[in-house]
Amino acid sequence: MSTTCPDCARRQTGFAIVSAIFILVVLAALAGFIVSTTTTQNLSFAQDIQGTRAYQAARAGTEIGIARWLADAPSDVTVCDGIAVNVALAGTPLADFSVTMTPTLSSSGGVNFCTIVAQAVPTGVPAGSAAYVEREIRVVVEGNPAP
């Protein structure tokens, strides 16, 4: 005599479908998490690159200011007059940044100091967007003793 129940086989046939649906839901959630993490990492990497480029553009602005200060006599205060100058980086990999360099003069103990502030912002990118990165560098250059 057989101990198997003929109705038992029919009651257990839906278990495979429930298991398959559960596994599909778990895999879909995992795939969504992976896509979200990858997108966040790519955005973070792009912002790091833009931040480095903005820093290099601001540094170029300070170096142009230092070159202007050193090319003229450091006692010539007209170079360090506090008027903002737009630095052109056209033809360079940093051409998509707008750099403003502002030199200001101060004196202490008979020595002139030129404080150069360069600010780099991306052109064509609205402030507050994910691609907007801004850098500012401040450099103080000591000049010759004032006459």
Protein backbone atom coordinates (compact mmCIF):
# COMPACT_ATOMS: atom_id res chain seq x y z
CA MET A 1 0.00 0.00 0.00
CA SER A 2 1.32 3.44 -0.96
CA THR A 3 1.62 6.20 1.67
CA THR A 4 1.66 9.10 -0.81
CA CYS A 5 -1.37 11.26 -1.01
CA PRO A 6 -2.61 12.04 -4.53
CA ASP A 7 -3.81 15.54 -3.47
CA CYS A 8 -0.47 16.43 -1.79
CA ALA A 9 1.38 16.74 -5.11
CA ARG A 10 -1.11 19.29 -6.40
CA ARG A 11 -0.87 21.46 -3.27
CA GLN A 12 2.95 21.82 -3.52
CA THR A 13 3.21 22.87 -7.18
CA GLY A 14 3.07 26.68 -6.50
CA PHE A 15 6.15 26.83 -4.25
CA ALA A 16 8.59 27.17 -7.17
CA ILE A 17 6.78 30.23 -8.55
CA VAL A 18 6.74 31.98 -5.17
CA SER A 19 10.47 31.29 -4.73
CA ALA A 20 11.26 32.56 -8.23
CA ILE A 21 9.30 35.78 -7.67
CA PHE A 22 11.06 36.36 -4.34
CA ILE A 23 14.49 35.84 -5.91
CA LEU A 24 13.61 38.22 -8.79
CA VAL A 25 12.52 40.93 -6.34
CA VAL A 26 15.73 40.57 -4.31
CA LEU A 27 17.88 40.69 -7.47
CA ALA A 28 16.01 43.77 -8.76
CA ALA A 29 16.58 45.56 -5.45
CA LEU A 30 20.26 44.63 -5.55
CA ALA A 31 20.57 45.88 -9.14
CA GLY A 32 18.92 49.18 -8.17
CA PHE A 33 21.35 49.62 -5.30
CA ILE A 34 24.34 48.92 -7.56
CA VAL A 35 23.12 51.42 -10.18
CA SER A 36 22.56 54.07 -7.51
CA THR A 37 26.01 53.54 -5.98
CA THR A 38 27.72 53.59 -9.38
CA THR A 39 25.96 56.82 -10.36
CA THR A 40 26.97 58.48 -7.10
CA GLN A 41 30.59 57.40 -7.54
CA ASN A 42 30.70 58.68 -11.12
CA LEU A 43 29.27 62.06 -10.07
CA SER A 44 31.76 62.30 -7.20
CA PHE A 45 34.65 61.46 -9.52
CA ALA A 46 33.53 64.11 -12.03
CA GLN A 47 33.32 66.72 -9.26
CA ASP A 48 36.83 65.80 -8.08
CA ILE A 49 38.17 66.30 -11.60
CA GLN A 50 36.35 69.63 -11.99
CA GLY A 51 37.61 70.75 -8.58
CA THR A 52 41.18 69.98 -9.58
CA ARG A 53 40.75 71.84 -12.87
CA ALA A 54 39.23 74.84 -11.03
CA TYR A 55 42.17 74.84 -8.61
CA GLN A 56 44.64 74.80 -11.52
CA ALA A 57 42.79 77.67 -13.21
CA ALA A 58 42.86 79.73 -9.99
CA ARG A 59 46.53 78.92 -9.55
CA ALA A 60 47.21 80.12 -13.10
CA GLY A 61 45.49 83.39 -12.14
CA THR A 62 47.73 83.86 -9.11
CA GLU A 63 50.83 83.06 -11.15
CA ILE A 64 49.87 85.67 -13.73
CA GLY A 65 49.41 88.18 -10.91
CA ILE A 66 52.79 87.29 -9.42
CA ALA A 67 54.44 87.61 -12.84
CA ARG A 68 52.87 91.06 -13.31
CA TRP A 69 54.08 92.13 -9.85
CA LEU A 70 57.61 90.85 -10.40
CA ALA A 71 57.91 92.08 -14.00
CA ASP A 72 57.28 95.65 -12.93
CA ALA A 73 59.19 97.16 -10.07
CA PRO A 74 57.57 95.83 -6.88
CA SER A 75 57.54 99.39 -5.62
CA ASP A 76 55.30 100.31 -8.58
CA VAL A 77 51.92 100.30 -6.87
CA THR A 78 49.94 100.62 -10.12
CA VAL A 79 50.30 96.87 -10.75
CA CYS A 80 48.66 96.11 -7.43
CA ASP A 81 45.83 98.61 -7.66
CA GLY A 82 42.88 96.54 -6.43
CA ILE A 83 41.19 96.43 -9.84
CA ALA A 84 39.91 92.99 -10.80
CA VAL A 85 41.39 91.58 -13.99
CA ASN A 86 39.84 88.78 -16.03
CA VAL A 87 42.52 86.25 -16.90
CA ALA A 88 42.16 84.68 -20.34
CA LEU A 89 42.91 80.98 -20.47
CA ALA A 90 41.79 80.53 -24.09
CA GLY A 91 43.61 77.82 -25.99
CA THR A 92 44.33 75.84 -22.83
CA PRO A 93 42.53 72.85 -21.29
CA LEU A 94 41.23 75.29 -18.66
CA ALA A 95 39.45 77.52 -21.18
CA ASP A 96 36.02 76.63 -19.80
CA PHE A 97 36.82 78.45 -16.53
CA SER A 98 36.50 82.16 -15.93
CA VAL A 99 39.32 83.44 -13.72
CA THR A 100 39.22 86.79 -11.96
CA MET A 101 42.46 88.02 -10.40
CA THR A 102 42.33 90.90 -7.91
CA PRO A 103 45.62 92.36 -6.60
CA THR A 104 45.58 94.71 -3.58
CA LEU A 105 48.49 96.59 -2.06
CA SER A 106 49.45 96.89 1.58
CA SER A 107 52.57 98.16 3.30
CA SER A 108 54.19 97.30 6.58
CA GLY A 109 57.54 98.41 7.94
CA GLY A 110 58.50 100.08 4.68
CA VAL A 111 57.85 96.95 2.60
CA ASN A 112 55.11 96.67 -0.01
CA PHE A 113 52.97 93.54 -0.08
CA CYS A 114 50.70 92.59 -2.93
CA THR A 115 47.83 90.28 -2.00
CA ILE A 116 46.64 88.46 -5.10
CA VAL A 117 43.26 86.70 -5.02
CA ALA A 118 42.30 84.53 -7.98
CA GLN A 119 38.85 83.02 -8.25
CA ALA A 120 37.99 80.37 -10.87
CA VAL A 121 34.39 79.51 -11.77
CA PRO A 122 33.14 77.38 -14.66
CA THR A 123 31.59 79.24 -17.56
CA GLY A 124 28.13 78.24 -18.69
CA VAL A 125 27.34 76.25 -15.54
CA PRO A 126 24.70 77.69 -13.19
CA ALA A 127 25.65 77.99 -9.53
CA GLY A 128 24.12 75.26 -7.42
CA SER A 129 24.19 72.60 -10.12
CA ALA A 130 26.12 69.37 -9.63
CA ALA A 131 28.79 70.43 -12.17
CA TYR A 132 29.47 73.81 -10.51
CA VAL A 133 32.84 73.94 -8.75
CA GLU A 134 34.54 77.12 -7.58
CA ARG A 135 38.04 77.63 -6.21
CA GLU A 136 39.77 80.69 -4.76
CA ILE A 137 43.46 81.08 -4.00
CA ARG A 138 45.04 83.93 -2.04
CA VAL A 139 48.77 84.68 -2.32
CA VAL A 140 50.78 87.42 -0.61
CA VAL A 141 53.91 88.58 -2.41
CA GLU A 142 56.53 90.69 -0.66
CA GLY A 143 58.05 93.52 -2.65
CA ASN A 144 61.12 95.68 -2.39
CA PRO A 145 61.27 98.27 0.35
CA ALA A 146 59.23 101.32 -0.53
CA PRO A 147 61.27 104.32 -1.63
